[in-house]
Amino acid sequence: MTNQEASFPVLPNVSNPAGFLDQLDSIRTEAQKSLNIERQSDLGQFFTQPSVAKLMAGMFSSYPSSINLVDPGAGVGTLSAAFIESAMLVSPKPEKYTFDRL
């Protein structure tokens, strides 16, 4: 299966924001198994580990009420998921999220 042919499961339910990133990581793990490691290495592709994504998401000290997130990744969305999880656990929570992929 080539990178273009890889099919990924549906994203996890966001009803439990504290576990959202963990749920998504199981999808990331399964997706990575289907990739050709040599081709992935040649292209410089890698999936962001949840610990790194959480570190990056933790760099935000506050959140506006409306968020437009541009995700530079092409994977399962670990960076976006870490941000969402972090934003959903603060008070007051952002009221509106929009997402764009580069």
N, C-alpha and C. Protein backbone atom coordinates (compact mmCIF):
# COMPACT_ATOMS: atom_id res chain seq x y z
N MET A 1 0.85 -1.18 0.00
CA MET A 1 0.00 0.00 0.00
C MET A 1 0.89 1.24 0.00
N THR A 2 0.71 2.14 -0.93
CA THR A 2 1.50 3.37 -0.99
C THR A 2 0.89 4.41 -0.07
N ASN A 3 1.64 5.50 0.13
CA ASN A 3 1.14 6.57 0.99
C ASN A 3 -0.19 7.11 0.50
N GLN A 4 -0.36 7.21 -0.83
CA GLN A 4 -1.60 7.75 -1.37
C GLN A 4 -2.77 6.80 -1.18
N GLU A 5 -2.51 5.51 -1.05
CA GLU A 5 -3.58 4.53 -0.93
C GLU A 5 -3.99 4.25 0.51
N ALA A 6 -3.22 4.74 1.46
CA ALA A 6 -3.51 4.46 2.86
C ALA A 6 -4.88 5.03 3.22
N SER A 7 -5.68 4.22 3.87
CA SER A 7 -6.97 4.70 4.33
C SER A 7 -6.98 4.71 5.85
N PHE A 8 -7.51 5.77 6.42
CA PHE A 8 -7.48 5.94 7.86
C PHE A 8 -8.89 5.87 8.43
N PRO A 9 -9.03 5.38 9.64
CA PRO A 9 -10.35 5.30 10.26
C PRO A 9 -10.94 6.69 10.53
N VAL A 10 -12.18 6.71 10.87
CA VAL A 10 -12.87 7.96 11.21
C VAL A 10 -12.26 8.52 12.50
N LEU A 11 -12.23 9.84 12.59
CA LEU A 11 -11.68 10.49 13.78
C LEU A 11 -12.48 10.10 15.02
N PRO A 12 -11.81 10.11 16.18
CA PRO A 12 -12.50 9.74 17.42
C PRO A 12 -13.53 10.78 17.84
N ASN A 13 -14.38 10.37 18.74
CA ASN A 13 -15.41 11.24 19.29
C ASN A 13 -14.76 12.26 20.21
N VAL A 14 -15.15 13.53 20.11
CA VAL A 14 -14.55 14.59 20.91
C VAL A 14 -15.30 14.81 22.22
N SER A 15 -16.27 13.96 22.53
CA SER A 15 -17.07 14.17 23.75
C SER A 15 -16.21 14.08 25.01
N ASN A 16 -15.08 13.41 24.95
CA ASN A 16 -14.16 13.33 26.08
C ASN A 16 -12.84 13.97 25.67
N PRO A 17 -12.72 15.31 25.79
CA PRO A 17 -11.52 15.98 25.32
C PRO A 17 -10.24 15.50 25.99
N ALA A 18 -10.33 15.04 27.22
CA ALA A 18 -9.13 14.59 27.93
C ALA A 18 -8.53 13.33 27.29
N GLY A 19 -9.34 12.56 26.57
CA GLY A 19 -8.84 11.35 25.95
C GLY A 19 -8.74 11.42 24.43
N PHE A 20 -9.06 12.59 23.87
CA PHE A 20 -9.10 12.75 22.43
C PHE A 20 -7.76 12.42 21.77
N LEU A 21 -6.68 12.97 22.31
CA LEU A 21 -5.36 12.75 21.71
C LEU A 21 -4.94 11.29 21.82
N ASP A 22 -5.26 10.65 22.93
CA ASP A 22 -4.94 9.23 23.09
C ASP A 22 -5.68 8.38 22.07
N GLN A 23 -6.96 8.71 21.83
CA GLN A 23 -7.74 7.98 20.82
C GLN A 23 -7.12 8.16 19.44
N LEU A 24 -6.75 9.39 19.14
CA LEU A 24 -6.17 9.68 17.84
C LEU A 24 -4.82 8.99 17.67
N ASP A 25 -4.07 8.84 18.75
CA ASP A 25 -2.76 8.19 18.64
C ASP A 25 -2.90 6.74 18.22
N SER A 26 -3.97 6.07 18.61
CA SER A 26 -4.16 4.70 18.15
C SER A 26 -4.39 4.67 16.64
N ILE A 27 -5.04 5.69 16.10
CA ILE A 27 -5.23 5.80 14.66
C ILE A 27 -3.87 6.07 13.99
N ARG A 28 -3.08 6.96 14.59
CA ARG A 28 -1.75 7.27 14.05
C ARG A 28 -0.89 6.02 14.01
N THR A 29 -0.92 5.22 15.06
CA THR A 29 -0.13 4.00 15.13
C THR A 29 -0.53 3.02 14.03
N GLU A 30 -1.82 2.83 13.84
CA GLU A 30 -2.30 1.93 12.79
C GLU A 30 -1.95 2.46 11.40
N ALA A 31 -2.09 3.76 11.20
CA ALA A 31 -1.78 4.36 9.89
C ALA A 31 -0.30 4.19 9.57
N GLN A 32 0.55 4.37 10.56
CA GLN A 32 1.98 4.27 10.33
C GLN A 32 2.39 2.85 9.92
N LYS A 33 1.66 1.85 10.40
CA LYS A 33 1.96 0.46 10.03
C LYS A 33 1.74 0.22 8.54
N SER A 34 0.84 0.98 7.92
CA SER A 34 0.50 0.76 6.52
C SER A 34 1.44 1.48 5.55
N LEU A 35 2.36 2.28 6.08
CA LEU A 35 3.23 3.07 5.21
C LEU A 35 4.52 2.34 4.88
N ASN A 36 5.06 2.60 3.71
CA ASN A 36 6.33 2.06 3.29
C ASN A 36 7.43 2.87 3.98
N ILE A 37 8.18 2.24 4.89
CA ILE A 37 9.15 2.94 5.72
C ILE A 37 10.26 3.58 4.88
N GLU A 38 10.73 2.89 3.84
CA GLU A 38 11.78 3.46 3.00
C GLU A 38 11.30 4.72 2.28
N ARG A 39 10.10 4.65 1.72
CA ARG A 39 9.55 5.82 1.03
C ARG A 39 9.30 6.96 2.01
N GLN A 40 8.80 6.62 3.17
CA GLN A 40 8.54 7.62 4.20
C GLN A 40 9.84 8.32 4.58
N SER A 41 10.92 7.56 4.72
CA SER A 41 12.22 8.12 5.05
C SER A 41 12.74 9.00 3.92
N ASP A 42 12.60 8.54 2.68
CA ASP A 42 13.05 9.32 1.52
C ASP A 42 12.35 10.67 1.45
N LEU A 43 11.07 10.69 1.81
CA LEU A 43 10.28 11.93 1.75
C LEU A 43 10.43 12.79 3.01
N GLY A 44 11.09 12.26 4.03
CA GLY A 44 11.23 13.00 5.27
C GLY A 44 9.94 13.08 6.06
N GLN A 45 9.06 12.09 5.89
CA GLN A 45 7.77 12.08 6.58
C GLN A 45 7.91 11.43 7.95
N PHE A 46 7.19 11.98 8.90
CA PHE A 46 7.09 11.36 10.21
C PHE A 46 5.80 11.82 10.85
N PHE A 47 5.31 11.01 11.77
CA PHE A 47 4.12 11.38 12.53
C PHE A 47 4.55 11.98 13.86
N THR A 48 3.93 13.07 14.24
CA THR A 48 4.25 13.74 15.50
C THR A 48 3.79 12.88 16.66
N GLN A 49 4.69 12.63 17.59
CA GLN A 49 4.35 11.87 18.80
C GLN A 49 3.43 12.72 19.68
N PRO A 50 2.49 12.11 20.39
CA PRO A 50 1.58 12.87 21.26
C PRO A 50 2.31 13.72 22.30
N SER A 51 3.41 13.23 22.84
CA SER A 51 4.13 14.01 23.85
C SER A 51 4.65 15.32 23.27
N VAL A 52 5.13 15.29 22.03
CA VAL A 52 5.61 16.50 21.36
C VAL A 52 4.43 17.43 21.05
N ALA A 53 3.35 16.86 20.56
CA ALA A 53 2.16 17.66 20.25
C ALA A 53 1.61 18.34 21.51
N LYS A 54 1.59 17.61 22.63
CA LYS A 54 1.11 18.20 23.90
C LYS A 54 2.02 19.33 24.35
N LEU A 55 3.34 19.15 24.20
CA LEU A 55 4.29 20.19 24.55
C LEU A 55 4.02 21.45 23.74
N MET A 56 3.82 21.28 22.44
CA MET A 56 3.56 22.43 21.57
C MET A 56 2.23 23.10 21.92
N ALA A 57 1.20 22.32 22.15
CA ALA A 57 -0.11 22.88 22.49
C ALA A 57 -0.07 23.60 23.84
N GLY A 58 0.78 23.11 24.74
CA GLY A 58 0.91 23.73 26.06
C GLY A 58 1.59 25.08 26.04
N MET A 59 2.10 25.50 24.89
CA MET A 59 2.77 26.79 24.79
C MET A 59 1.79 27.96 24.71
N PHE A 60 0.51 27.65 24.54
CA PHE A 60 -0.51 28.71 24.52
C PHE A 60 -0.90 29.02 25.96
N SER A 61 -0.85 30.31 26.31
CA SER A 61 -1.20 30.69 27.68
C SER A 61 -2.67 31.11 27.79
N SER A 62 -3.28 31.44 26.67
CA SER A 62 -4.70 31.79 26.67
C SER A 62 -5.27 31.51 25.28
N TYR A 63 -6.60 31.48 25.23
CA TYR A 63 -7.28 31.18 23.98
C TYR A 63 -8.35 32.23 23.72
N PRO A 64 -8.44 32.72 22.48
CA PRO A 64 -9.53 33.66 22.17
C PRO A 64 -10.86 32.90 22.07
N SER A 65 -11.94 33.63 21.99
CA SER A 65 -13.25 32.97 21.92
C SER A 65 -13.48 32.32 20.56
N SER A 66 -12.80 32.81 19.53
CA SER A 66 -12.92 32.24 18.19
C SER A 66 -11.53 31.88 17.68
N ILE A 67 -11.36 30.64 17.24
CA ILE A 67 -10.05 30.14 16.82
C ILE A 67 -10.10 29.65 15.38
N ASN A 68 -9.15 30.08 14.57
CA ASN A 68 -8.95 29.56 13.22
C ASN A 68 -7.59 28.88 13.22
N LEU A 69 -7.59 27.58 13.17
CA LEU A 69 -6.35 26.79 13.27
C LEU A 69 -5.95 26.31 11.88
N VAL A 70 -4.71 26.58 11.49
CA VAL A 70 -4.17 26.10 10.21
C VAL A 70 -3.17 25.00 10.57
N ASP A 71 -3.48 23.78 10.15
CA ASP A 71 -2.64 22.63 10.46
C ASP A 71 -1.68 22.37 9.31
N PRO A 72 -0.37 22.50 9.57
CA PRO A 72 0.61 22.30 8.50
C PRO A 72 0.87 20.82 8.19
N GLY A 73 0.32 19.93 8.97
CA GLY A 73 0.59 18.50 8.80
C GLY A 73 -0.26 17.87 7.71
N ALA A 74 0.13 16.66 7.38
CA ALA A 74 -0.61 15.90 6.37
C ALA A 74 -0.99 14.54 6.90
N GLY A 75 -0.87 14.35 8.18
CA GLY A 75 -1.15 13.05 8.78
C GLY A 75 -2.55 12.98 9.35
N VAL A 76 -2.66 12.36 10.52
CA VAL A 76 -3.97 12.14 11.13
C VAL A 76 -4.44 13.32 11.96
N GLY A 77 -3.61 14.34 12.12
CA GLY A 77 -4.04 15.54 12.84
C GLY A 77 -3.62 15.60 14.29
N THR A 78 -2.50 15.01 14.63
CA THR A 78 -2.05 14.97 16.02
C THR A 78 -1.83 16.37 16.59
N LEU A 79 -1.24 17.27 15.80
CA LEU A 79 -1.00 18.63 16.29
C LEU A 79 -2.32 19.35 16.57
N SER A 80 -3.27 19.22 15.65
CA SER A 80 -4.59 19.84 15.85
C SER A 80 -5.30 19.22 17.05
N ALA A 81 -5.20 17.90 17.17
CA ALA A 81 -5.88 17.21 18.28
C ALA A 81 -5.32 17.66 19.63
N ALA A 82 -4.02 17.82 19.72
CA ALA A 82 -3.41 18.28 20.97
C ALA A 82 -3.89 19.68 21.31
N PHE A 83 -3.99 20.54 20.30
CA PHE A 83 -4.47 21.89 20.51
C PHE A 83 -5.93 21.88 20.97
N ILE A 84 -6.75 21.10 20.30
CA ILE A 84 -8.17 21.01 20.67
C ILE A 84 -8.31 20.50 22.10
N GLU A 85 -7.58 19.43 22.42
CA GLU A 85 -7.65 18.87 23.77
C GLU A 85 -7.28 19.93 24.80
N SER A 86 -6.21 20.66 24.55
CA SER A 86 -5.77 21.69 25.47
C SER A 86 -6.81 22.80 25.61
N ALA A 87 -7.35 23.25 24.48
CA ALA A 87 -8.34 24.34 24.49
C ALA A 87 -9.64 23.92 25.16
N MET A 88 -10.02 22.65 25.03
CA MET A 88 -11.28 22.18 25.62
C MET A 88 -11.19 22.01 27.13
N LEU A 89 -9.98 22.00 27.67
CA LEU A 89 -9.81 21.78 29.10
C LEU A 89 -9.65 23.08 29.88
N VAL A 90 -9.66 24.23 29.20
CA VAL A 90 -9.53 25.52 29.89
C VAL A 90 -10.91 26.12 30.14
N SER A 91 -10.91 27.12 30.98
CA SER A 91 -12.16 27.83 31.24
C SER A 91 -11.85 29.32 31.17
N PRO A 92 -12.60 30.09 30.42
CA PRO A 92 -13.71 29.69 29.57
C PRO A 92 -13.20 29.04 28.28
N LYS A 93 -14.00 28.13 27.77
CA LYS A 93 -13.65 27.43 26.54
C LYS A 93 -13.90 28.33 25.32
N PRO A 94 -13.07 28.18 24.28
CA PRO A 94 -13.36 28.90 23.04
C PRO A 94 -14.75 28.50 22.52
N GLU A 95 -15.45 29.45 21.93
CA GLU A 95 -16.82 29.20 21.45
C GLU A 95 -16.86 28.68 20.02
N LYS A 96 -15.84 28.99 19.23
CA LYS A 96 -15.88 28.64 17.80
C LYS A 96 -14.49 28.19 17.34
N TYR A 97 -14.46 27.08 16.58
CA TYR A 97 -13.23 26.58 15.99
C TYR A 97 -13.43 26.45 14.48
N THR A 98 -12.47 26.88 13.70
CA THR A 98 -12.44 26.57 12.28
C THR A 98 -11.06 26.02 11.98
N PHE A 99 -10.98 25.07 11.04
CA PHE A 99 -9.73 24.39 10.72
C PHE A 99 -9.46 24.43 9.23
N ASP A 100 -8.21 24.68 8.90
CA ASP A 100 -7.76 24.65 7.52
C ASP A 100 -6.50 23.80 7.47
N ARG A 101 -6.34 23.09 6.36
CA ARG A 101 -5.12 22.31 6.14
C ARG A 101 -4.33 22.98 5.03
N LEU A 102 -3.03 23.04 5.20
CA LEU A 102 -2.17 23.62 4.15
C LEU A 102 -2.07 22.68 2.98
